[in-house]
Amino acid sequence: MPDSVRRSKFERILTFTIDFETAKRYREANKMPHQFRRAAWTDLTVEVYL
């Protein structure tokens, strides 16, 4: 977590990870291009603050 967020009045309300399979399903459902490789994927951790 960045220091600017840590020192702020914001509170983390949600954290989730987007893995390769989730991203792949999203791209397929939204008819996005198929240039998408497992070997190049790094899981993305999302933190939501209010």
Protein backbone atom coordinates (compact mmCIF):
# COMPACT_ATOMS: atom_id res chain seq x y z
CA MET A 1 0.00 0.00 0.00
CA PRO A 2 1.42 3.43 -0.93
CA ASP A 3 2.36 5.73 1.97
CA SER A 4 -0.04 8.41 0.73
CA VAL A 5 -2.95 5.98 1.16
CA ARG A 6 -1.68 4.65 4.48
CA ARG A 7 -1.57 8.18 5.96
CA SER A 8 -4.94 9.23 4.57
CA LYS A 9 -8.41 8.97 6.03
CA PHE A 10 -9.39 6.33 3.48
CA GLU A 11 -10.39 2.87 4.59
CA ARG A 12 -9.86 -0.26 2.52
CA ILE A 13 -13.25 -1.86 1.95
CA LEU A 14 -12.48 -4.56 -0.59
CA THR A 15 -9.50 -6.54 -1.87
CA PHE A 16 -9.61 -9.11 -4.65
CA THR A 17 -7.30 -10.76 -7.14
CA ILE A 18 -7.84 -11.11 -10.87
CA ASP A 19 -6.17 -14.31 -12.02
CA PHE A 20 -5.53 -15.50 -15.56
CA GLU A 21 -8.73 -17.56 -15.85
CA THR A 22 -10.93 -14.70 -14.63
CA ALA A 23 -9.31 -12.28 -17.06
CA LYS A 24 -9.63 -14.80 -19.90
CA ARG A 25 -13.36 -15.29 -19.24
CA TYR A 26 -13.88 -11.52 -19.11
CA ARG A 27 -12.09 -11.03 -22.43
CA GLU A 28 -14.09 -13.83 -24.07
CA ALA A 29 -17.41 -12.49 -22.73
CA ASN A 30 -16.62 -9.01 -24.04
CA LYS A 31 -15.31 -10.19 -27.44
CA MET A 32 -11.86 -8.75 -26.88
CA PRO A 33 -8.83 -9.82 -28.96
CA HIS A 34 -7.29 -13.20 -28.20
CA GLN A 35 -3.70 -11.92 -27.82
CA PHE A 36 -3.52 -13.16 -24.27
CA ARG A 37 -0.86 -15.56 -22.95
CA ARG A 38 -0.75 -17.37 -19.64
CA ALA A 39 3.06 -17.15 -19.58
CA ALA A 40 2.88 -13.34 -19.74
CA TRP A 41 0.16 -13.01 -17.09
CA THR A 42 0.77 -11.77 -13.55
CA ASP A 43 -2.15 -11.87 -11.12
CA LEU A 44 -3.52 -8.42 -10.35
CA THR A 45 -4.47 -7.53 -6.77
CA VAL A 46 -7.10 -4.78 -6.56
CA GLU A 47 -7.65 -2.76 -3.40
CA VAL A 48 -10.71 -0.50 -3.15
CA TYR A 49 -10.69 2.39 -0.67
CA LEU A 50 -13.38 4.80 0.50
